[in-house]
Amino acid sequence: MSPTRQKFARDSLGLAITQYLVRAMSMGRSFVAAKLLDPTSFGAWNALQLMMDYGALAPLGTQQGLDQLVPRRLVEGDAARTAQLKRAALFNVVALTTLFAAFGLGWASVGSSRMRAFWHLSGLSLALLCVMLVNVANVGTSILRSHGDIGGLTRWFVLQGLIGSGLGLVLLVWFGRWGLLWGWLAGCLVAFLFVAVRGRHVLPLLPAPATESLDLLQIGLPLYVFTASSIVMRNLDRIVVLRFLGTQALGFYGLSVNVLTLLMAIPDSLAYVSYPMLVRRYTEAGEDPEAIRERVERLVRGVSTALPLAAGLCALWSRDLVHVVLPRYDACVEPLQVLAFGATGLSQAAFASLVLMTVGRRIILVPAALFLTALSGGLQLLSLRWNGGLTGIAAASAVAYLVSGAVLLSLAAVGLGHSFRRMLSLIVRCFLPTALAALVCWGAAWAFLRELGPFTLITVTRLLTASAAFAAAYLLFVAPFARGIGFLSLAKEFNVPFFGRRPGNPEDPR
């Protein structure tokens, strides 16, 4: 492997690890905030985070188009056209985010609004300023990545996460939920300034509309629709909880979602790192799907085998830990346990979408994403009609995640040239381990954790025994499905520390 590719692989791995650590810090912030705040105030913070999450959708595909067009312009070597494209992207982001902010403030100003009641227009304005800083910084990080500066992107994540989460917790002690907002604003501002300084030689100084403004939207639209639908699907349950069950219920449910987010950190990071590798191999092979078929299979099977193990351990420990550490949030335990087993579906959907983009079938993501989002919303509303409560909404979301993963993985398998029989075999190998993990987890909990008592040495012993029994039984049952994955080989391919090949190894097939 060439020195340039070695550096790219190391930087990509560093970025993946950084994303995981930032998510871990964010989850730590959430647990501490839940401990110090009452469920209603914690729910109000989750509601504000929802608004900021949806603010990331304001640019309407500009960043997705930028990710695809800037590398092409750099290859063409036309500096003037490249600069014009960057200014057009900045114009799109600033204009569209401003419209989103105006709409958000207008919506909160009319009639009765839970958001305005908790945060007032001043708090909503600060949250929308965070949205603007992040969206503009994303233009910068996209351009830096296109220029090969993965290290700059890594530092941006570190600054935003470390300052936003760390300072937020410090200010939380004095200012309550407002401290979380001020801390996040400080993290966004520092990270934005870092990107502006780091990329001063390649980033646009001023926005300017151009014909490329429309090109960015058109080219980025398919991936944007899928990304937007994925964000909506991941957040739709929280919107339903807030709308129909109230802010306090969102506080309980939001804690469950934070655990799911941490479980998804490694699969999401692997997907992020895998995409350029898949594109490179596919392109070098003359756009032959066979060049990436085996790698994709091993990757999705590896994740679908390892992730249910983590989900099961999380489900086993959650009840006692929440009862001891956050006794006011006992209502989050059952939704947390259910959502954990939906992580496999989300991870497979992410990998499958990258495969479809790599093999030139990105347009199919649009109808698939819209259908799956509608399915998720329908299942959640149905659970409300049946008075399923928070656990019912979590179950509806988990089912939607698993169906989404199965549908998109089937489409990706077709794109890779799989026969129907091989596609069906892949689906079974990827999703049966989750069913096995859920059954074995339930059995271990029934055998060892039926009673909830004080957190003593006996409790810890029971938890460790249940965990060992679950892990041993699951690994025994799942062993036939893990044959041929080659976990050690995958670790070497991703340059995982202590497993990766030494630089300059002449036998490196890459």
Foldseek 3Di string as FASTA:
>chain_A
DDPLVVVLLVLLVLLLVLLLVLLVLVLVLLLLLLLVDPLLLSLLLVVLVLLLLVLLLQLQQLLLLLLVPLLVVVVVVDLVVSLLLQLQSLVSLQVRLVVSLVVVLVVPVDDDDPNCVNQNSVNSVLSSVLSSLVNNLSSLVSQCVSVVNSVLVSVLSVQLSCQLRVQLSVQCVPPNSVSSSVSNSVSSVVSSVSSCVVCVPPHHPHHDHDPSNVVSNVVRNLVSLLVSLLSCLLCVLLVVCCVPVHSSLSSLQVSLSSVLSSLLSNLVSCLVSCLVVLLVQCVVVVNQLVSCVLVLLLVLLVCLLPQLLVLLLCLLPVQQVCCVSPVSNNVNNLLNSLLSLLSSLQSLLSNLCSLCVSSVNSNVSNVLSVVLSVQLNVQQVVCVVVVVRSNSNSNSSSVSSNVSSLVSQLVSCVSSVDDPVVSVVSNCLRNVLSVVLVVLSVVLCVVQPPDHDHPDPSVVVSSVVSSVSSVVVSCVVSVVSNPPSPPLVVCQVSVPPPRHDDPPPPVPPD
